[in-house]
Protein backbone atom coordinates (compact mmCIF):
# COMPACT_ATOMS: atom_id res chain seq x y z
CA UNK A 1 -0.50 -12.65 1.03
CA UNK A 2 3.06 -11.94 0.03
CA UNK A 3 4.79 -8.69 0.79
CA UNK A 4 6.17 -6.21 -1.71
CA UNK A 5 9.70 -4.82 -1.49
CA UNK A 6 10.01 -1.04 -0.99
CA UNK A 7 10.69 -0.50 -4.71
CA UNK A 8 7.79 -2.78 -5.67
CA UNK A 9 5.56 -0.79 -3.30
CA UNK A 10 6.54 2.47 -5.08
CA UNK A 11 5.68 0.89 -8.40
CA UNK A 12 2.44 -0.54 -7.02
CA UNK A 13 1.47 2.93 -5.72
CA UNK A 14 1.81 4.20 -9.28
CA UNK A 15 -0.33 1.35 -10.65
CA UNK A 16 -3.00 1.92 -7.98
CA UNK A 17 -3.04 5.63 -8.80
CA UNK A 18 -3.29 5.14 -12.58
CA UNK A 19 -5.44 1.96 -12.44
CA UNK A 20 -4.02 0.92 -15.87
CA UNK A 21 -0.56 1.69 -17.20
CA UNK A 22 1.90 0.68 -19.89
CA UNK A 23 5.59 0.14 -19.11
CA UNK A 24 6.57 3.56 -20.52
CA UNK A 25 3.97 5.29 -18.27
CA UNK A 26 5.42 3.53 -15.24
CA UNK A 27 9.01 4.46 -16.13
CA UNK A 28 8.00 8.11 -16.70
CA UNK A 29 5.88 8.28 -13.55
CA UNK A 30 8.32 6.54 -11.22
CA UNK A 31 9.24 8.85 -8.32
CA UNK A 32 12.82 9.99 -7.82
CA UNK A 33 15.58 8.65 -10.03
CA UNK A 34 14.09 6.84 -13.03
CA UNK A 35 15.09 3.19 -13.21
CA UNK A 36 15.75 1.55 -16.57
CA UNK A 37 12.72 0.11 -18.38
CA UNK A 38 14.30 -3.36 -17.99
CA UNK A 39 14.39 -2.87 -14.18
CA UNK A 40 10.69 -1.90 -14.13
CA UNK A 41 9.90 -4.90 -16.38
CA UNK A 42 11.71 -7.21 -13.94
CA UNK A 43 9.81 -5.73 -10.99
CA UNK A 44 6.51 -6.15 -12.85
CA UNK A 45 7.32 -9.80 -13.57
CA UNK A 46 8.04 -10.41 -9.87
CA UNK A 47 4.84 -8.59 -8.91
CA UNK A 48 2.89 -10.73 -11.39
CA UNK A 49 4.38 -13.90 -9.87
CA UNK A 50 3.33 -12.66 -6.42
CA UNK A 51 -0.22 -12.02 -7.71
CA UNK A 52 -0.23 -8.22 -7.36
CA UNK A 53 -0.54 -7.17 -11.02
CA UNK A 54 -2.06 -8.52 -14.18
CA UNK A 55 -1.83 -7.27 -17.73
CA UNK A 56 -3.75 -7.05 -20.97
CA UNK A 57 -1.90 -7.42 -24.27
CA UNK A 58 -2.25 -4.72 -26.93
CA UNK A 59 -0.09 -5.85 -29.84
CA UNK A 60 3.37 -6.17 -28.26
CA UNK A 61 2.56 -3.85 -25.36
CA UNK A 62 1.29 -4.92 -21.97
CA UNK A 63 -1.09 -2.70 -20.06
CA UNK A 64 -0.71 -3.47 -16.36
CA UNK A 65 -3.46 -3.22 -13.74
CA UNK A 66 -3.68 -4.02 -10.01
CA UNK A 67 -5.05 -7.37 -8.86
CA UNK A 68 -4.90 -6.32 -5.20
CA UNK A 69 -6.79 -3.45 -3.59
CA UNK A 70 -4.57 -0.83 -1.91
CA UNK A 71 -6.63 -0.68 1.32
CA UNK A 72 -6.63 -4.49 1.61
CA UNK A 73 -2.86 -4.65 1.11
CA UNK A 74 -2.00 -2.01 3.71
CA UNK A 75 -4.63 -3.30 6.12
CA UNK A 76 -2.95 -6.75 6.01
CA UNK A 77 0.49 -5.14 6.50
CA UNK A 78 -0.71 -3.22 9.58
CA UNK A 79 -2.39 -6.35 10.99
CA UNK A 80 0.93 -8.19 10.50
CA UNK A 81 2.81 -5.47 12.40
CA UNK A 82 0.26 -5.60 15.24
CA UNK A 83 0.52 -9.40 15.36
CA UNK A 84 4.33 -9.55 15.14
CA UNK A 85 5.34 -6.60 17.32
CA UNK A 86 2.42 -5.91 19.68
CA UNK A 87 1.30 -9.40 20.72
CA UNK A 88 -1.76 -9.14 18.45
CA UNK A 89 -3.05 -6.25 20.59
CA UNK A 90 -4.44 -3.33 18.58
CA UNK A 91 -4.71 -1.46 21.90
CA UNK A 92 -0.94 -1.79 22.57
CA UNK A 93 -0.27 -0.66 19.00
CA UNK A 94 -2.58 2.38 19.36
CA UNK A 95 -0.98 3.29 22.69
CA UNK A 96 2.52 3.02 21.20
CA UNK A 97 1.51 4.95 18.09
CA UNK A 98 -0.10 7.86 19.95
CA UNK A 99 2.68 8.20 22.51
CA UNK A 100 5.64 7.93 20.12
CA UNK A 101 4.36 9.71 17.02
CA UNK A 102 4.65 13.46 16.69
CA UNK A 103 0.91 14.06 16.47
CA UNK A 104 -0.15 17.62 17.26
CA UNK A 105 -2.93 18.38 19.72
CA UNK A 106 -5.21 19.11 16.75
CA UNK A 107 -4.37 15.73 15.16
CA UNK A 108 -4.99 13.94 18.46
CA UNK A 109 -8.39 15.69 18.68
CA UNK A 110 -9.16 14.47 15.12
CA UNK A 111 -8.12 10.95 16.13
CA UNK A 112 -10.39 11.20 19.17
CA UNK A 113 -13.33 12.14 16.88
CA UNK A 114 -12.59 9.14 14.64
CA UNK A 115 -12.54 6.85 17.69
CA UNK A 116 -15.77 8.33 19.09
CA UNK A 117 -17.47 7.89 15.70
CA UNK A 118 -16.35 4.25 15.61
CA UNK A 119 -17.61 3.68 19.19
CA UNK A 120 -21.01 5.08 18.22
CA UNK A 121 -21.11 2.92 15.07
CA UNK A 122 -20.38 -0.22 17.11
CA UNK A 123 -23.07 0.64 19.69
CA UNK A 124 -25.78 0.55 17.00
C-alpha cells in the first residue's frame, strides 16, 4: 500500500471522520489554514490515483468517500516502522516506545492492563 503525505493524511482524516464529503465540506473542515479548493482537488486526485478515495457523481459535484479503512492504514504504517527501524521486532519497538515516551505511571498501568488482557486472550 502506498503512503499518504502529511497533508493528504490530514485530508484523509477528514474523509474518515465524515465518511462522505463534497469538496466544499473538505475545504471548510480542513484544520488550520484553509487551502484553496484547487489544492484540495489536486490532493483528492492524487489520493484517488493511490487508491485511497473514491467518489460518486451528483450532477457536477463529486462526493468523496474512503476506500481504505483508517485502522488498516495506520496498522500498516506502524508495521512498516517496526520492520524498517526495529529489525521487525515488535518487542524492540515496545521497549523503545515505553522507555522514550512521556507516559505517566497511570498510562503505563493502563498499558499493562491492555497487555495482560491480550495475554489472556491468546491463552484461550
